[in-house]
Amino acid sequence: MPVSRRVGLGALILFIALLVGLPLLARTWP
């Protein structure tokens, strides 16, 4: 697959950040 490890790590970080961060942000911005 034409996907670099750098892109893969970036996607993983964004996936986790949204999964953890969105519930917290939703409390401030409903």
Full PDB file with SEQRES, HELIX, SHEET, SSBOND, CRYST1, ORIGX, SCALE, CONECT and MASTER records, all heavy atoms in Angstrom:
SEQRES   1 A   30  MET PRO VAL SER ARG ARG VAL GLY LEU GLY ALA LEU ILE          
SEQRES   2 A   30  LEU PHE ILE ALA LEU LEU VAL GLY LEU PRO LEU LEU ALA          
SEQRES   3 A   30  ARG THR TRP PRO                                              
HELIX    1 AA1 ARG A    5  THR A   28  1                                  24    
CRYST1    1.000    1.000    1.000  90.00  90.00  90.00 P 1           1          
ORIGX1      1.000000  0.000000  0.000000        0.00000                         
ORIGX2      0.000000  1.000000  0.000000        0.00000                         
ORIGX3      0.000000  0.000000  1.000000        0.00000                         
SCALE1      1.000000  0.000000  0.000000        0.00000                         
SCALE2      0.000000  1.000000  0.000000        0.00000                         
SCALE3      0.000000  0.000000  1.000000        0.00000                         
ATOM      1  N   MET A   1       0.843  -1.192   0.000  1.00  0.00           N  
ATOM      2  CA  MET A   1       0.000   0.000   0.000  1.00  0.00           C  
ATOM      3  C   MET A   1       0.878   1.242   0.000  1.00  0.00           C  
ATOM      4  O   MET A   1       1.886   1.286   0.715  1.00  0.00           O  
ATOM      5  CB  MET A   1      -0.898   0.032   1.237  1.00  0.00           C  
ATOM      6  CG  MET A   1      -2.165  -0.775   1.102  1.00  0.00           C  
ATOM      7  SD  MET A   1      -3.320  -0.005  -0.046  1.00  0.00           S  
ATOM      8  CE  MET A   1      -4.578  -1.263  -0.113  1.00  0.00           C  
ATOM      9  N   PRO A   2       0.537   2.254  -0.792  1.00  0.00           N  
ATOM     10  CA  PRO A   2       1.368   3.463  -0.877  1.00  0.00           C  
ATOM     11  C   PRO A   2       1.128   4.430   0.274  1.00  0.00           C  
ATOM     12  O   PRO A   2       0.721   5.566   0.077  1.00  0.00           O  
ATOM     13  CB  PRO A   2       0.940   4.069  -2.220  1.00  0.00           C  
ATOM     14  CG  PRO A   2      -0.485   3.678  -2.347  1.00  0.00           C  
ATOM     15  CD  PRO A   2      -0.587   2.310  -1.742  1.00  0.00           C  
ATOM     16  N   VAL A   3       1.370   3.965   1.508  1.00  0.00           N  
ATOM     17  CA  VAL A   3       1.199   4.818   2.690  1.00  0.00           C  
ATOM     18  C   VAL A   3       2.478   4.750   3.505  1.00  0.00           C  
ATOM     19  O   VAL A   3       2.932   3.655   3.861  1.00  0.00           O  
ATOM     20  CB  VAL A   3      -0.007   4.369   3.543  1.00  0.00           C  
ATOM     21  CG1 VAL A   3      -0.152   5.270   4.765  1.00  0.00           C  
ATOM     22  CG2 VAL A   3      -1.281   4.381   2.729  1.00  0.00           C  
ATOM     23  N   SER A   4       3.046   5.894   3.825  1.00  0.00           N  
ATOM     24  CA  SER A   4       4.292   5.916   4.578  1.00  0.00           C  
ATOM     25  C   SER A   4       4.031   5.700   6.062  1.00  0.00           C  
ATOM     26  O   SER A   4       2.919   5.886   6.565  1.00  0.00           O  
ATOM     27  CB  SER A   4       4.997   7.264   4.387  1.00  0.00           C  
ATOM     28  OG  SER A   4       4.282   8.296   5.051  1.00  0.00           O  
ATOM     29  N   ARG A   5       5.077   5.301   6.776  1.00  0.00           N  
ATOM     30  CA  ARG A   5       4.968   5.125   8.224  1.00  0.00           C  
ATOM     31  C   ARG A   5       4.669   6.460   8.909  1.00  0.00           C  
ATOM     32  O   ARG A   5       3.962   6.494   9.926  1.00  0.00           O  
ATOM     33  CB  ARG A   5       6.261   4.524   8.772  1.00  0.00           C  
ATOM     34  CG  ARG A   5       6.487   3.084   8.343  1.00  0.00           C  
ATOM     35  CD  ARG A   5       7.814   2.548   8.840  1.00  0.00           C  
ATOM     36  NE  ARG A   5       7.990   1.150   8.457  1.00  0.00           N  
ATOM     37  CZ  ARG A   5       7.664   0.118   9.220  1.00  0.00           C  
ATOM     38  NH1 ARG A   5       7.172   0.338  10.425  1.00  0.00           N  
ATOM     39  NH2 ARG A   5       7.847  -1.124   8.807  1.00  0.00           N  
ATOM     40  N   ARG A   6       5.187   7.553   8.363  1.00  0.00           N  
ATOM     41  CA  ARG A   6       4.920   8.864   8.943  1.00  0.00           C  
ATOM     42  C   ARG A   6       3.436   9.200   8.871  1.00  0.00           C  
ATOM     43  O   ARG A   6       2.840   9.675   9.840  1.00  0.00           O  
ATOM     44  CB  ARG A   6       5.745   9.934   8.218  1.00  0.00           C  
ATOM     45  CG  ARG A   6       5.598  11.338   8.785  1.00  0.00           C  
ATOM     46  CD  ARG A   6       6.490  12.309   8.029  1.00  0.00           C  
ATOM     47  NE  ARG A   6       7.887  11.895   8.080  1.00  0.00           N  
ATOM     48  CZ  ARG A   6       8.855  12.474   7.391  1.00  0.00           C  
ATOM     49  NH1 ARG A   6       8.582  13.474   6.568  1.00  0.00           N  
ATOM     50  NH2 ARG A   6      10.091  12.056   7.506  1.00  0.00           N  
ATOM     51  N   VAL A   7       2.822   8.936   7.721  1.00  0.00           N  
ATOM     52  CA  VAL A   7       1.383   9.165   7.576  1.00  0.00           C  
ATOM     53  C   VAL A   7       0.608   8.242   8.506  1.00  0.00           C  
ATOM     54  O   VAL A   7      -0.374   8.649   9.145  1.00  0.00           O  
ATOM     55  CB  VAL A   7       0.953   8.953   6.109  1.00  0.00           C  
ATOM     56  CG1 VAL A   7      -0.570   8.940   5.986  1.00  0.00           C  
ATOM     57  CG2 VAL A   7       1.534  10.037   5.220  1.00  0.00           C  
ATOM     58  N   GLY A   8       1.044   7.001   8.595  1.00  0.00           N  
ATOM     59  CA  GLY A   8       0.363   6.053   9.464  1.00  0.00           C  
ATOM     60  C   GLY A   8       0.384   6.486  10.918  1.00  0.00           C  
ATOM     61  O   GLY A   8      -0.641   6.434  11.610  1.00  0.00           O  
ATOM     62  N   LEU A   9       1.532   6.918  11.404  1.00  0.00           N  
ATOM     63  CA  LEU A   9       1.628   7.375  12.785  1.00  0.00           C  
ATOM     64  C   LEU A   9       0.797   8.638  13.021  1.00  0.00           C  
ATOM     65  O   LEU A   9       0.143   8.783  14.051  1.00  0.00           O  
ATOM     66  CB  LEU A   9       3.095   7.634  13.150  1.00  0.00           C  
ATOM     67  CG  LEU A   9       3.968   6.392  13.328  1.00  0.00           C  
ATOM     68  CD1 LEU A   9       5.432   6.796  13.510  1.00  0.00           C  
ATOM     69  CD2 LEU A   9       3.492   5.575  14.529  1.00  0.00           C  
ATOM     70  N   GLY A  10       0.813   9.540  12.040  1.00  0.00           N  
ATOM     71  CA  GLY A  10       0.004  10.746  12.158  1.00  0.00           C  
ATOM     72  C   GLY A  10      -1.479  10.435  12.236  1.00  0.00           C  
ATOM     73  O   GLY A  10      -2.219  11.024  13.036  1.00  0.00           O  
ATOM     74  N   ALA A  11      -1.933   9.482  11.410  1.00  0.00           N  
ATOM     75  CA  ALA A  11      -3.347   9.089  11.427  1.00  0.00           C  
ATOM     76  C   ALA A  11      -3.712   8.446  12.760  1.00  0.00           C  
ATOM     77  O   ALA A  11      -4.802   8.683  13.307  1.00  0.00           O  
ATOM     78  CB  ALA A  11      -3.642   8.133  10.274  1.00  0.00           C  
ATOM     79  N   LEU A  12      -2.812   7.628  13.311  1.00  0.00           N  
ATOM     80  CA  LEU A  12      -3.076   6.986  14.591  1.00  0.00           C  
ATOM     81  C   LEU A  12      -3.178   8.013  15.711  1.00  0.00           C  
ATOM     82  O   LEU A  12      -4.079   7.939  16.561  1.00  0.00           O  
ATOM     83  CB  LEU A  12      -1.972   5.975  14.903  1.00  0.00           C  
ATOM     84  CG  LEU A  12      -2.094   5.242  16.240  1.00  0.00           C  
ATOM     85  CD1 LEU A  12      -3.379   4.427  16.286  1.00  0.00           C  
ATOM     86  CD2 LEU A  12      -0.871   4.349  16.472  1.00  0.00           C  
ATOM     87  N   ILE A  13      -2.268   8.981  15.715  1.00  0.00           N  
ATOM     88  CA  ILE A  13      -2.300  10.026  16.742  1.00  0.00           C  
ATOM     89  C   ILE A  13      -3.597  10.823  16.642  1.00  0.00           C  
ATOM     90  O   ILE A  13      -4.248  11.115  17.658  1.00  0.00           O  
ATOM     91  CB  ILE A  13      -1.068  10.945  16.604  1.00  0.00           C  
ATOM     92  CG1 ILE A  13       0.208  10.175  16.967  1.00  0.00           C  
ATOM     93  CG2 ILE A  13      -1.218  12.187  17.479  1.00  0.00           C  
ATOM     94  CD1 ILE A  13       1.488  10.915  16.645  1.00  0.00           C  
ATOM     95  N   LEU A  14      -3.999  11.169  15.423  1.00  0.00           N  
ATOM     96  CA  LEU A  14      -5.236  11.932  15.245  1.00  0.00           C  
ATOM     97  C   LEU A  14      -6.449  11.109  15.668  1.00  0.00           C  
ATOM     98  O   LEU A  14      -7.370  11.636  16.312  1.00  0.00           O  
ATOM     99  CB  LEU A  14      -5.370  12.358  13.782  1.00  0.00           C  
ATOM    100  CG  LEU A  14      -6.587  13.219  13.427  1.00  0.00           C  
ATOM    101  CD1 LEU A  14      -6.621  14.491  14.264  1.00  0.00           C  
ATOM    102  CD2 LEU A  14      -6.589  13.551  11.937  1.00  0.00           C  
ATOM    103  N   PHE A  15      -6.460   9.822  15.332  1.00  0.00           N  
ATOM    104  CA  PHE A  15      -7.565   8.940  15.727  1.00  0.00           C  
ATOM    105  C   PHE A  15      -7.725   8.921  17.244  1.00  0.00           C  
ATOM    106  O   PHE A  15      -8.833   9.078  17.774  1.00  0.00           O  
ATOM    107  CB  PHE A  15      -7.298   7.528  15.203  1.00  0.00           C  
ATOM    108  CG  PHE A  15      -8.230   6.475  15.743  1.00  0.00           C  
ATOM    109  CD1 PHE A  15      -9.502   6.323  15.216  1.00  0.00           C  
ATOM    110  CD2 PHE A  15      -7.831   5.639  16.783  1.00  0.00           C  
ATOM    111  CE1 PHE A  15     -10.369   5.352  15.713  1.00  0.00           C  
ATOM    112  CE2 PHE A  15      -8.684   4.672  17.287  1.00  0.00           C  
ATOM    113  CZ  PHE A  15      -9.955   4.528  16.746  1.00  0.00           C  
ATOM    114  N   ILE A  16      -6.628   8.724  17.963  1.00  0.00           N  
ATOM    115  CA  ILE A  16      -6.685   8.658  19.427  1.00  0.00           C  
ATOM    116  C   ILE A  16      -7.033  10.019  20.018  1.00  0.00           C  
ATOM    117  O   ILE A  16      -7.828  10.117  20.965  1.00  0.00           O  
ATOM    118  CB  ILE A  16      -5.348   8.140  19.982  1.00  0.00           C  
ATOM    119  CG1 ILE A  16      -5.104   6.694  19.513  1.00  0.00           C  
ATOM    120  CG2 ILE A  16      -5.325   8.212  21.504  1.00  0.00           C  
ATOM    121  CD1 ILE A  16      -3.738   6.152  19.879  1.00  0.00           C  
ATOM    122  N   ALA A  17      -6.442  11.086  19.464  1.00  0.00           N  
ATOM    123  CA  ALA A  17      -6.708  12.428  19.983  1.00  0.00           C  
ATOM    124  C   ALA A  17      -8.190  12.786  19.878  1.00  0.00           C  
ATOM    125  O   ALA A  17      -8.778  13.351  20.812  1.00  0.00           O  
ATOM    126  CB  ALA A  17      -5.856  13.456  19.235  1.00  0.00           C  
ATOM    127  N   LEU A  18      -8.805  12.443  18.749  1.00  0.00           N  
ATOM    128  CA  LEU A  18     -10.230  12.727  18.587  1.00  0.00           C  
ATOM    129  C   LEU A  18     -11.079  11.847  19.495  1.00  0.00           C  
ATOM    130  O   LEU A  18     -12.067  12.312  20.079  1.00  0.00           O  
ATOM    131  CB  LEU A  18     -10.637  12.523  17.126  1.00  0.00           C  
ATOM    132  CG  LEU A  18     -10.103  13.560  16.130  1.00  0.00           C  
ATOM    133  CD1 LEU A  18     -10.436  13.151  14.700  1.00  0.00           C  
ATOM    134  CD2 LEU A  18     -10.681  14.946  16.436  1.00  0.00           C  
ATOM    135  N   LEU A  19     -10.711  10.594  19.631  1.00  0.00           N  
ATOM    136  CA  LEU A  19     -11.485   9.683  20.469  1.00  0.00           C  
ATOM    137  C   LEU A  19     -11.460  10.117  21.931  1.00  0.00           C  
ATOM    138  O   LEU A  19     -12.478  10.043  22.632  1.00  0.00           O  
ATOM    139  CB  LEU A  19     -10.933   8.258  20.333  1.00  0.00           C  
ATOM    140  CG  LEU A  19     -11.702   7.150  21.052  1.00  0.00           C  
ATOM    141  CD1 LEU A  19     -13.119   7.036  20.525  1.00  0.00           C  
ATOM    142  CD2 LEU A  19     -10.964   5.820  20.918  1.00  0.00           C  
ATOM    143  N   VAL A  20     -10.312  10.594  22.387  1.00  0.00           N  
ATOM    144  CA  VAL A  20     -10.175  11.021  23.780  1.00  0.00           C  
ATOM    145  C   VAL A  20     -10.614  12.472  23.963  1.00  0.00           C  
ATOM    146  O   VAL A  20     -11.267  12.827  24.959  1.00  0.00           O  
ATOM    147  CB  VAL A  20      -8.712  10.844  24.256  1.00  0.00           C  
ATOM    148  CG1 VAL A  20      -8.526  11.409  25.660  1.00  0.00           C  
ATOM    149  CG2 VAL A  20      -8.325   9.369  24.209  1.00  0.00           C  
ATOM    150  N   GLY A  21     -10.279  13.318  22.991  1.00  0.00           N  
ATOM    151  CA  GLY A  21     -10.503  14.749  23.170  1.00  0.00           C  
ATOM    152  C   GLY A  21     -11.912  15.228  22.878  1.00  0.00           C  
ATOM    153  O   GLY A  21     -12.391  16.179  23.513  1.00  0.00           O  
ATOM    154  N   LEU A  22     -12.601  14.599  21.931  1.00  0.00           N  
ATOM    155  CA  LEU A  22     -13.939  15.074  21.577  1.00  0.00           C  
ATOM    156  C   LEU A  22     -14.919  15.051  22.744  1.00  0.00           C  
ATOM    157  O   LEU A  22     -15.682  16.012  22.930  1.00  0.00           O  
ATOM    158  CB  LEU A  22     -14.488  14.262  20.398  1.00  0.00           C  
ATOM    159  CG  LEU A  22     -13.965  14.657  19.011  1.00  0.00           C  
ATOM    160  CD1 LEU A  22     -14.463  13.684  17.956  1.00  0.00           C  
ATOM    161  CD2 LEU A  22     -14.397  16.080  18.659  1.00  0.00           C  
ATOM    162  N   PRO A  23     -14.955  13.982  23.574  1.00  0.00           N  
ATOM    163  CA  PRO A  23     -15.876  14.025  24.719  1.00  0.00           C  
ATOM    164  C   PRO A  23     -15.584  15.178  25.672  1.00  0.00           C  
ATOM    165  O   PRO A  23     -16.507  15.775  26.246  1.00  0.00           O  
ATOM    166  CB  PRO A  23     -15.650  12.669  25.398  1.00  0.00           C  
ATOM    167  CG  PRO A  23     -15.124  11.782  24.325  1.00  0.00           C  
ATOM    168  CD  PRO A  23     -14.298  12.675  23.455  1.00  0.00           C  
ATOM    169  N   LEU A  24     -14.302  15.502  25.841  1.00  0.00           N  
ATOM    170  CA  LEU A  24     -13.947  16.616  26.719  1.00  0.00           C  
ATOM    171  C   LEU A  24     -14.349  17.953  26.101  1.00  0.00           C  
ATOM    172  O   LEU A  24     -14.893  18.829  26.781  1.00  0.00           O  
ATOM    173  CB  LEU A  24     -12.439  16.590  26.999  1.00  0.00           C  
ATOM    174  CG  LEU A  24     -11.901  15.306  27.655  1.00  0.00           C  
ATOM    175  CD1 LEU A  24     -10.383  15.370  27.783  1.00  0.00           C  
ATOM    176  CD2 LEU A  24     -12.542  15.100  29.019  1.00  0.00           C  
ATOM    177  N   LEU A  25     -14.086  18.111  24.799  1.00  0.00           N  
ATOM    178  CA  LEU A  25     -14.449  19.356  24.130  1.00  0.00           C  
ATOM    179  C   LEU A  25     -15.961  19.533  24.052  1.00  0.00           C  
ATOM    180  O   LEU A  25     -16.467  20.664  24.108  1.00  0.00           O  
ATOM    181  CB  LEU A  25     -13.850  19.378  22.721  1.00  0.00           C  
ATOM    182  CG  LEU A  25     -12.324  19.474  22.633  1.00  0.00           C  
ATOM    183  CD1 LEU A  25     -11.864  19.339  21.192  1.00  0.00           C  
ATOM    184  CD2 LEU A  25     -11.843  20.804  23.214  1.00  0.00           C  
ATOM    185  N   ALA A  26     -16.698  18.422  23.927  1.00  0.00           N  
ATOM    186  CA  ALA A  26     -18.153  18.509  23.829  1.00  0.00           C  
ATOM    187  C   ALA A  26     -18.783  19.060  25.104  1.00  0.00           C  
ATOM    188  O   ALA A  26     -19.881  19.617  25.069  1.00  0.00           O  
ATOM    189  CB  ALA A  26     -18.737  17.134  23.498  1.00  0.00           C  
ATOM    190  N   ARG A  27     -18.099  18.911  26.229  1.00  0.00           N  
ATOM    191  CA  ARG A  27     -18.619  19.480  27.477  1.00  0.00           C  
ATOM    192  C   ARG A  27     -18.552  20.999  27.460  1.00  0.00           C  
ATOM    193  O   ARG A  27     -19.398  21.679  28.043  1.00  0.00           O  
ATOM    194  CB  ARG A  27     -17.821  18.942  28.664  1.00  0.00           C  
ATOM    195  CG  ARG A  27     -17.937  17.433  28.858  1.00  0.00           C  
ATOM    196  CD  ARG A  27     -17.083  16.972  30.022  1.00  0.00           C  
ATOM    197  NE  ARG A  27     -17.128  15.513  30.169  1.00  0.00           N  
ATOM    198  CZ  ARG A  27     -16.435  14.830  31.081  1.00  0.00           C  
ATOM    199  NH1 ARG A  27     -15.638  15.491  31.931  1.00  0.00           N  
ATOM    200  NH2 ARG A  27     -16.524  13.519  31.150  1.00  0.00           N  
ATOM    201  N   THR A  28     -17.533  21.524  26.781  1.00  0.00           N  
ATOM    202  CA  THR A  28     -17.385  22.983  26.686  1.00  0.00           C  
ATOM    203  C   THR A  28     -18.182  23.541  25.530  1.00  0.00           C  
ATOM    204  O   THR A  28     -18.808  24.596  25.641  1.00  0.00           O  
ATOM    205  CB  THR A  28     -15.894  23.338  26.517  1.00  0.00           C  
ATOM    206  OG1 THR A  28     -15.138  22.754  27.595  1.00  0.00           O  
ATOM    207  CG2 THR A  28     -15.706  24.849  26.520  1.00  0.00           C  
ATOM    208  N   TRP A  29     -18.154  22.841  24.397  1.00  0.00           N  
ATOM    209  CA  TRP A  29     -18.911  23.263  23.206  1.00  0.00           C  
ATOM    210  C   TRP A  29     -19.928  22.175  22.867  1.00  0.00           C  
ATOM    211  O   TRP A  29     -19.609  21.219  22.133  1.00  0.00           O  
ATOM    212  CB  TRP A  29     -17.963  23.492  22.027  1.00  0.00           C  
ATOM    213  CG  TRP A  29     -17.024  24.640  22.233  1.00  0.00           C  
ATOM    214  CD1 TRP A  29     -17.330  25.962  22.199  1.00  0.00           C  
ATOM    215  CD2 TRP A  29     -15.615  24.563  22.498  1.00  0.00           C  
ATOM    216  NE1 TRP A  29     -16.213  26.728  22.427  1.00  0.00           N  
ATOM    217  CE2 TRP A  29     -15.142  25.889  22.616  1.00  0.00           C  
ATOM    218  CE3 TRP A  29     -14.715  23.504  22.640  1.00  0.00           C  
ATOM    219  CZ2 TRP A  29     -13.810  26.179  22.879  1.00  0.00           C  
ATOM    220  CZ3 TRP A  29     -13.390  23.793  22.904  1.00  0.00           C  
ATOM    221  CH2 TRP A  29     -12.952  25.112  23.021  1.00  0.00           C  
ATOM    222  N   PRO A  30     -21.149  22.301  23.394  1.00  0.00           N  
ATOM    223  CA  PRO A  30     -22.168  21.257  23.164  1.00  0.00           C  
ATOM    224  C   PRO A  30     -22.442  20.989  21.691  1.00  0.00           C  
ATOM    225  O   PRO A  30     -22.917  19.908  21.336  1.00  0.00           O  
ATOM    226  CB  PRO A  30     -23.406  21.833  23.864  1.00  0.00           C  
ATOM    227  CG  PRO A  30     -22.861  22.784  24.889  1.00  0.00           C  
ATOM    228  CD  PRO A  30     -21.631  23.372  24.274  1.00  0.00           C  
TER     229      PRO A  30                                                      
MASTER        0    0    0    1    0    0    0    6  228    1    0    3          
END                                                                             
